[in-house]
Structures are given as structure tokens and as C-alpha cells.
Protein backbone atom coordinates (compact mmCIF):
# COMPACT_ATOMS: atom_id res chain seq x y z
CA MET A 1 92.12 23.21 -47.71
CA ALA A 2 92.73 26.88 -47.12
CA ASP A 3 92.00 30.04 -48.77
CA ASP A 4 95.52 31.08 -48.59
CA GLU A 5 96.67 27.72 -49.99
CA VAL A 6 94.17 27.22 -53.11
CA THR A 7 95.28 31.36 -53.86
CA ARG A 8 99.17 30.18 -53.73
CA ASN A 9 99.00 26.99 -55.67
CA LEU A 10 96.73 29.14 -58.39
CA LYS A 11 99.06 32.12 -58.62
CA GLY A 12 101.44 28.46 -58.92
CA MET A 13 99.70 27.40 -62.11
CA ASP A 14 99.46 30.78 -63.56
CA GLU A 15 102.82 31.32 -63.21
CA LEU A 16 103.76 27.77 -65.40
CA ASP A 17 101.38 28.48 -67.87
CA PHE A 18 102.57 32.02 -68.61
CA ALA A 19 106.02 31.59 -67.72
CA GLY A 20 107.45 28.32 -67.17
CA TRP A 21 104.93 26.81 -70.25
CA ASN A 22 104.76 29.69 -72.76
CA SER A 23 108.70 30.77 -72.64
CA ALA A 24 109.60 27.26 -72.50
CA ASP A 25 111.45 27.24 -69.14
CA TRP A 26 111.13 23.68 -68.29
CA HIS A 27 114.52 23.48 -66.24
CA GLY A 28 113.01 26.42 -63.40
CA VAL A 29 109.90 27.82 -63.66
CA PHE A 30 108.44 25.38 -65.88
CA ALA A 31 110.35 22.17 -63.08
CA ARG A 32 109.83 24.93 -60.00
CA ASN A 33 106.23 23.87 -60.11
CA HIS A 34 106.08 20.30 -59.94
CA SER A 35 107.44 18.35 -57.50
CA ASP A 36 109.99 15.41 -58.49
CA ASP A 37 107.75 12.61 -58.19
CA VAL A 38 105.65 14.17 -60.72
CA LEU A 39 102.33 11.67 -61.88
CA VAL A 40 101.09 13.11 -64.93
CA ASP A 41 98.45 12.11 -67.29
CA VAL A 42 97.99 13.94 -70.60
CA HIS A 43 95.29 12.76 -72.55
CA GLY A 44 96.74 10.94 -75.60
CA GLN A 45 99.69 10.77 -74.70
CA GLY A 46 101.68 7.83 -72.19
CA GLN A 47 101.95 8.84 -68.39
CA THR A 48 104.81 10.03 -66.82
CA HIS A 49 106.67 9.56 -63.71
CA GLY A 50 109.30 12.50 -62.20
CA ILE A 51 109.93 15.39 -63.76
CA GLN A 52 112.44 14.55 -66.43
CA GLU A 53 110.07 12.25 -67.95
CA HIS A 54 107.35 14.63 -67.74
CA ILE A 55 109.62 17.44 -69.26
CA ASP A 56 111.12 15.08 -71.80
CA ALA A 57 106.84 14.56 -73.37
CA MET A 58 106.17 18.28 -73.27
CA ARG A 59 109.45 19.15 -74.91
CA ALA A 60 108.03 16.29 -77.53
CA PHE A 61 104.87 17.16 -77.65
CA VAL A 62 106.08 21.06 -78.41
CA GLU A 63 108.44 19.30 -81.33
CA THR A 64 105.13 17.91 -83.07
CA THR A 65 103.43 21.75 -82.91
CA GLY A 66 106.49 23.30 -84.46
CA GLY A 67 108.98 23.49 -81.94
CA THR A 68 108.00 26.44 -80.36
CA PRO A 69 104.96 26.21 -77.49
CA ILE A 70 101.22 27.32 -78.33
CA GLN A 71 101.16 30.10 -76.19
CA ILE A 72 98.27 30.01 -73.66
CA THR A 73 97.05 33.45 -73.92
CA SER A 74 94.02 33.78 -71.62
CA PRO A 75 94.69 33.80 -67.49
CA ASP A 76 92.22 30.71 -66.55
CA GLN A 77 88.73 30.80 -66.53
CA ILE A 78 87.34 27.84 -64.60
CA ARG A 79 89.03 27.64 -60.79
CA ILE A 80 87.37 24.75 -58.69
CA ARG A 81 89.11 23.41 -55.33
CA ARG A 82 87.64 20.48 -54.10
CA VAL A 83 90.80 19.17 -56.56
CA ASP A 84 93.10 22.03 -55.50
CA VAL A 85 93.51 23.49 -58.65
CA CYS A 86 91.93 22.39 -61.81
CA VAL A 87 91.84 25.43 -64.74
CA VAL A 88 91.81 25.94 -68.39
CA GLY A 89 94.26 27.60 -70.46
CA GLU A 90 93.46 28.96 -73.96
CA PHE A 91 95.77 28.79 -76.93
CA GLU A 92 96.35 31.81 -79.36
CA GLY A 93 93.91 30.05 -82.56
CA GLY A 94 92.05 29.01 -80.21
CA GLY A 95 92.86 25.81 -78.52
CA ARG A 96 92.01 24.65 -74.97
CA MET A 97 93.70 22.73 -72.07
CA VAL A 98 92.99 21.73 -69.17
CA THR A 99 94.67 20.77 -66.51
CA VAL A 100 93.86 18.76 -63.20
CA ALA A 101 96.25 19.52 -60.39
CA LYS A 102 96.80 17.74 -56.99
CA TRP A 103 99.64 19.89 -54.74
CA ARG A 104 102.14 18.60 -52.14
CA ASP A 105 104.46 21.71 -50.55
CA GLY A 106 103.75 23.94 -52.72
CA ALA A 107 104.82 22.16 -56.08
CA ILE A 108 102.21 19.80 -58.54
CA ALA A 109 102.37 16.12 -57.49
CA GLU A 110 99.87 14.73 -59.70
CA GLU A 111 98.42 16.23 -63.02
CA TYR A 112 95.99 15.47 -65.63
CA ILE A 113 96.09 17.18 -68.71
CA TRP A 114 93.41 17.05 -71.88
CA MET A 115 94.66 19.57 -75.24
């Protein structure tokens, strides 16, 4: 993978975390940074297929935490190229979310999340 593609994917991950997730912009920034046919496996939850199923699952998760996304406050701290992108986001209060993502044409096509 070329350095410019890695840089673009990492920038997309930051946009997804800090603009899409934190502001719950599900059908804007969040959707734009995923492919329509995204496959997502969130540890402890069911696998989703397609962006709408992923949005529905994330909205349901957010409802269990009070209705507002737990804010990601720190830049991603671990970045591994071999899987396209592997990042760790730190939530306010100290929790962490690990995301391993495979990108296709500038959008996440496959994603694995541990919270």
C-alpha cells in the first residue's frame, strides 16, 4: 500500500472518529467513510452487513450509553499499515475502542471493533 493511500485512510479514520462518531453524524460523515456494503464485526455484538445495519447497530449501542456517543478525545495512538488501518481511540473517562479496517476506494469496506 502506498504511503499516500495510508495517509488518506488514516485521515478518513480521524474524520470518522472525531466528526462522524462524536457528533453522531450517522448519514453524513459516518456513512461517507464506509462503503455501502461494509461488513462490521463489533466484539460482543452481532455482525452487520451494509452501512444502514451498521448505523442502526451503532445508534442502538449509543442508546445503551445514555443517547449521546461517548466522545473520542485522543487521536488514534496505534497505526499499523498491514491491515490498511488499525487505530485505538480513547474515550472520555478512559475507555478505549480498537478498530481494524480494510479500505476500498477511499471508504471502509470491512471493519472489526473492540470496545
